Amino acid sequence: MINCHRGETALMVDGEALPMRLTLGALAELEQAFSVDSLPELGERFAGGKLSARDVTRILAAGLRGAGSSVSADQVASLSFDGGLNGAIRAAIALLDATFSGGDTPAEADDQPRPPAPPVR
């Protein structure tokens, strides 16, 4: 089960939701893979919106490992993603968004209970 409050998202593969999460260890792995020195630099790298197939593979693999899987980047590259390449890209972007924005995407925010509004006086 995916827990969005922990920053988890899902990678859909053959109809199965595989949990992903970017832990500090997974983020450190991505910092090294993308040759950046800090989390803000990593966030800026991804915010540019120019992700290569290798970038998507690395992000998904790090997210899967952060959630407890032992999958390699090569294994991720050979998976049959629901939605094909677009499904993989959407999953990578959702994972980055959950990590760097606190998971408050518009779709998730609409599903969350909100405290009652204060009374108008």
C-alpha atoms as a PDB file:
ATOM      1  CA  MET A   1       0.000   0.000   0.000  1.00  0.00           C
ATOM      2  CA  ILE A   2       1.276   3.454  -0.943  1.00  0.00           C
ATOM      3  CA  ASN A   3       1.516   5.992   1.901  1.00  0.00           C
ATOM      4  CA  CYS A   4       1.539   9.507   0.401  1.00  0.00           C
ATOM      5  CA  HIS A   5       2.148  10.982   3.883  1.00  0.00           C
ATOM      6  CA  ARG A   6       5.588   9.357   3.810  1.00  0.00           C
ATOM      7  CA  GLY A   7       6.345  10.743   0.353  1.00  0.00           C
ATOM      8  CA  GLU A   8       5.591   7.453  -1.355  1.00  0.00           C
ATOM      9  CA  THR A   9       4.300   7.188  -4.884  1.00  0.00           C
ATOM     10  CA  ALA A  10       3.671   4.203  -7.143  1.00  0.00           C
ATOM     11  CA  LEU A  11       5.286   2.878 -10.268  1.00  0.00           C
ATOM     12  CA  MET A  12       2.720   0.865 -12.181  1.00  0.00           C
ATOM     13  CA  VAL A  13       4.240  -2.249 -13.757  1.00  0.00           C
ATOM     14  CA  ASP A  14       2.046  -4.942 -15.294  1.00  0.00           C
ATOM     15  CA  GLY A  15      -0.953  -3.673 -13.301  1.00  0.00           C
ATOM     16  CA  GLU A  16       0.922  -3.792  -9.996  1.00  0.00           C
ATOM     17  CA  ALA A  17       1.664  -0.674  -7.921  1.00  0.00           C
ATOM     18  CA  LEU A  18       5.309  -0.778  -6.840  1.00  0.00           C
ATOM     19  CA  PRO A  19       6.004   1.670  -3.999  1.00  0.00           C
ATOM     20  CA  MET A  20       8.712   4.291  -4.457  1.00  0.00           C
ATOM     21  CA  ARG A  21      10.194   6.789  -2.012  1.00  0.00           C
ATOM     22  CA  LEU A  22      13.259   8.993  -2.135  1.00  0.00           C
ATOM     23  CA  THR A  23      14.921   8.547   1.256  1.00  0.00           C
ATOM     24  CA  LEU A  24      18.032  10.511   2.202  1.00  0.00           C
ATOM     25  CA  GLY A  25      20.108   7.561   1.019  1.00  0.00           C
ATOM     26  CA  ALA A  26      18.304   7.504  -2.324  1.00  0.00           C
ATOM     27  CA  LEU A  27      18.759  11.270  -2.670  1.00  0.00           C
ATOM     28  CA  ALA A  28      22.480  10.925  -1.899  1.00  0.00           C
ATOM     29  CA  GLU A  29      22.653   8.265  -4.606  1.00  0.00           C
ATOM     30  CA  LEU A  30      21.004  10.660  -7.070  1.00  0.00           C
ATOM     31  CA  GLU A  31      23.334  13.511  -6.058  1.00  0.00           C
ATOM     32  CA  GLN A  32      26.276  11.297  -6.945  1.00  0.00           C
ATOM     33  CA  ALA A  33      24.698  10.005 -10.166  1.00  0.00           C
ATOM     34  CA  PHE A  34      23.937  13.547 -11.375  1.00  0.00           C
ATOM     35  CA  SER A  35      27.210  15.069 -10.096  1.00  0.00           C
ATOM     36  CA  VAL A  36      25.631  17.709  -7.877  1.00  0.00           C
ATOM     37  CA  ASP A  37      26.736  18.786  -4.416  1.00  0.00           C
ATOM     38  CA  SER A  38      23.465  19.594  -2.677  1.00  0.00           C
ATOM     39  CA  LEU A  39      19.754  18.881  -2.532  1.00  0.00           C
ATOM     40  CA  PRO A  40      18.870  22.333  -3.930  1.00  0.00           C
ATOM     41  CA  GLU A  41      21.148  21.647  -6.917  1.00  0.00           C
ATOM     42  CA  LEU A  42      19.474  18.279  -7.393  1.00  0.00           C
ATOM     43  CA  GLY A  43      16.043  19.905  -7.276  1.00  0.00           C
ATOM     44  CA  GLU A  44      17.148  22.559  -9.794  1.00  0.00           C
ATOM     45  CA  ARG A  45      18.514  19.843 -12.078  1.00  0.00           C
ATOM     46  CA  PHE A  46      15.115  18.184 -12.189  1.00  0.00           C
ATOM     47  CA  ALA A  47      13.086  21.405 -12.282  1.00  0.00           C
ATOM     48  CA  GLY A  48      14.501  22.155 -15.735  1.00  0.00           C
ATOM     49  CA  GLY A  49      12.109  19.552 -17.130  1.00  0.00           C
ATOM     50  CA  LYS A  50      14.689  17.968 -19.418  1.00  0.00           C
ATOM     51  CA  LEU A  51      14.880  14.349 -18.332  1.00  0.00           C
ATOM     52  CA  SER A  52      16.665  11.752 -20.406  1.00  0.00           C
ATOM     53  CA  ALA A  53      15.718   8.075 -20.461  1.00  0.00           C
ATOM     54  CA  ARG A  54      18.775   7.418 -18.278  1.00  0.00           C
ATOM     55  CA  ASP A  55      17.594  10.110 -15.823  1.00  0.00           C
ATOM     56  CA  VAL A  56      14.135   8.533 -15.569  1.00  0.00           C
ATOM     57  CA  THR A  57      15.669   5.087 -15.053  1.00  0.00           C
ATOM     58  CA  ARG A  58      17.962   6.354 -12.278  1.00  0.00           C
ATOM     59  CA  ILE A  59      15.145   8.227 -10.530  1.00  0.00           C
ATOM     60  CA  LEU A  60      12.785   5.240 -10.643  1.00  0.00           C
ATOM     61  CA  ALA A  61      15.479   2.810  -9.486  1.00  0.00           C
ATOM     62  CA  ALA A  62      16.478   5.070  -6.570  1.00  0.00           C
ATOM     63  CA  GLY A  63      12.804   5.470  -5.610  1.00  0.00           C
ATOM     64  CA  LEU A  64      12.174   1.734  -5.714  1.00  0.00           C
ATOM     65  CA  ARG A  65      15.288   1.065  -3.610  1.00  0.00           C
ATOM     66  CA  GLY A  66      14.252   3.838  -1.188  1.00  0.00           C
ATOM     67  CA  ALA A  67      11.007   1.934  -0.625  1.00  0.00           C
ATOM     68  CA  GLY A  68      12.855  -1.327   0.039  1.00  0.00           C
ATOM     69  CA  SER A  69      13.289  -3.016  -3.340  1.00  0.00           C
ATOM     70  CA  SER A  70      16.674  -4.337  -4.433  1.00  0.00           C
ATOM     71  CA  VAL A  71      16.164  -3.562  -8.124  1.00  0.00           C
ATOM     72  CA  SER A  72      19.023  -2.237 -10.257  1.00  0.00           C
ATOM     73  CA  ALA A  73      18.794   0.538 -12.847  1.00  0.00           C
ATOM     74  CA  ASP A  74      19.272  -2.095 -15.574  1.00  0.00           C
ATOM     75  CA  GLN A  75      16.331  -4.080 -14.210  1.00  0.00           C
ATOM     76  CA  VAL A  76      14.170  -0.938 -14.126  1.00  0.00           C
ATOM     77  CA  ALA A  77      15.077  -0.216 -17.748  1.00  0.00           C
ATOM     78  CA  SER A  78      13.664  -3.593 -18.773  1.00  0.00           C
ATOM     79  CA  LEU A  79      10.322  -3.293 -16.927  1.00  0.00           C
ATOM     80  CA  SER A  80       7.015  -3.153 -18.769  1.00  0.00           C
ATOM     81  CA  PHE A  81       5.532   0.100 -17.444  1.00  0.00           C
ATOM     82  CA  ASP A  82       1.789   0.636 -17.509  1.00  0.00           C
ATOM     83  CA  GLY A  83       1.352   3.505 -19.948  1.00  0.00           C
ATOM     84  CA  GLY A  84       4.700   2.759 -21.601  1.00  0.00           C
ATOM     85  CA  LEU A  85       7.330   5.473 -21.642  1.00  0.00           C
ATOM     86  CA  ASN A  86       4.777   8.123 -20.668  1.00  0.00           C
ATOM     87  CA  GLY A  87       3.802   6.058 -17.624  1.00  0.00           C
ATOM     88  CA  ALA A  88       7.440   5.830 -16.530  1.00  0.00           C
ATOM     89  CA  ILE A  89       7.977   9.561 -17.018  1.00  0.00           C
ATOM     90  CA  ARG A  90       4.795  10.414 -15.081  1.00  0.00           C
ATOM     91  CA  ALA A  91       5.886   8.125 -12.243  1.00  0.00           C
ATOM     92  CA  ALA A  92       9.343   9.753 -12.063  1.00  0.00           C
ATOM     93  CA  ILE A  93       7.825  13.250 -12.037  1.00  0.00           C
ATOM     94  CA  ALA A  94       5.289  12.259  -9.358  1.00  0.00           C
ATOM     95  CA  LEU A  95       8.122  10.874  -7.204  1.00  0.00           C
ATOM     96  CA  LEU A  96      10.175  14.061  -7.582  1.00  0.00           C
ATOM     97  CA  ASP A  97       7.131  16.179  -6.843  1.00  0.00           C
ATOM     98  CA  ALA A  98       6.298  14.162  -3.720  1.00  0.00           C
ATOM     99  CA  THR A  99       9.887  14.568  -2.537  1.00  0.00           C
ATOM    100  CA  PHE A 100      10.612  18.182  -3.351  1.00  0.00           C
ATOM    101  CA  SER A 101       7.181  19.739  -2.854  1.00  0.00           C
ATOM    102  CA  GLY A 102       6.104  17.743   0.154  1.00  0.00           C
ATOM    103  CA  GLY A 103       3.654  15.636  -1.844  1.00  0.00           C
ATOM    104  CA  ASP A 104       0.971  18.298  -2.048  1.00  0.00           C
ATOM    105  CA  THR A 105       0.166  17.922  -5.700  1.00  0.00           C
ATOM    106  CA  PRO A 106      -3.227  19.336  -6.682  1.00  0.00           C
ATOM    107  CA  ALA A 107      -4.747  15.858  -7.125  1.00  0.00           C
ATOM    108  CA  GLU A 108      -3.518  14.698  -3.719  1.00  0.00           C
ATOM    109  CA  ALA A 109      -4.434  17.967  -2.013  1.00  0.00           C
ATOM    110  CA  ASP A 110      -8.025  17.638  -3.223  1.00  0.00           C
ATOM    111  CA  ASP A 111      -8.274  14.183  -1.648  1.00  0.00           C
ATOM    112  CA  GLN A 112      -6.993  15.301   1.756  1.00  0.00           C
ATOM    113  CA  PRO A 113      -9.360  16.242   4.558  1.00  0.00           C
ATOM    114  CA  ARG A 114      -9.185  19.922   5.396  1.00  0.00           C
ATOM    115  CA  PRO A 115      -9.777  21.536   8.763  1.00  0.00           C
ATOM    116  CA  PRO A 116     -13.018  23.458   8.987  1.00  0.00           C
ATOM    117  CA  ALA A 117     -12.858  27.116   8.023  1.00  0.00           C
ATOM    118  CA  PRO A 118     -12.939  29.566  10.910  1.00  0.00           C
ATOM    119  CA  PRO A 119     -16.308  31.195  11.497  1.00  0.00           C
ATOM    120  CA  VAL A 120     -16.921  34.490   9.744  1.00  0.00           C
ATOM    121  CA  ARG A 121     -17.715  37.313  12.170  1.00  0.00           C
END
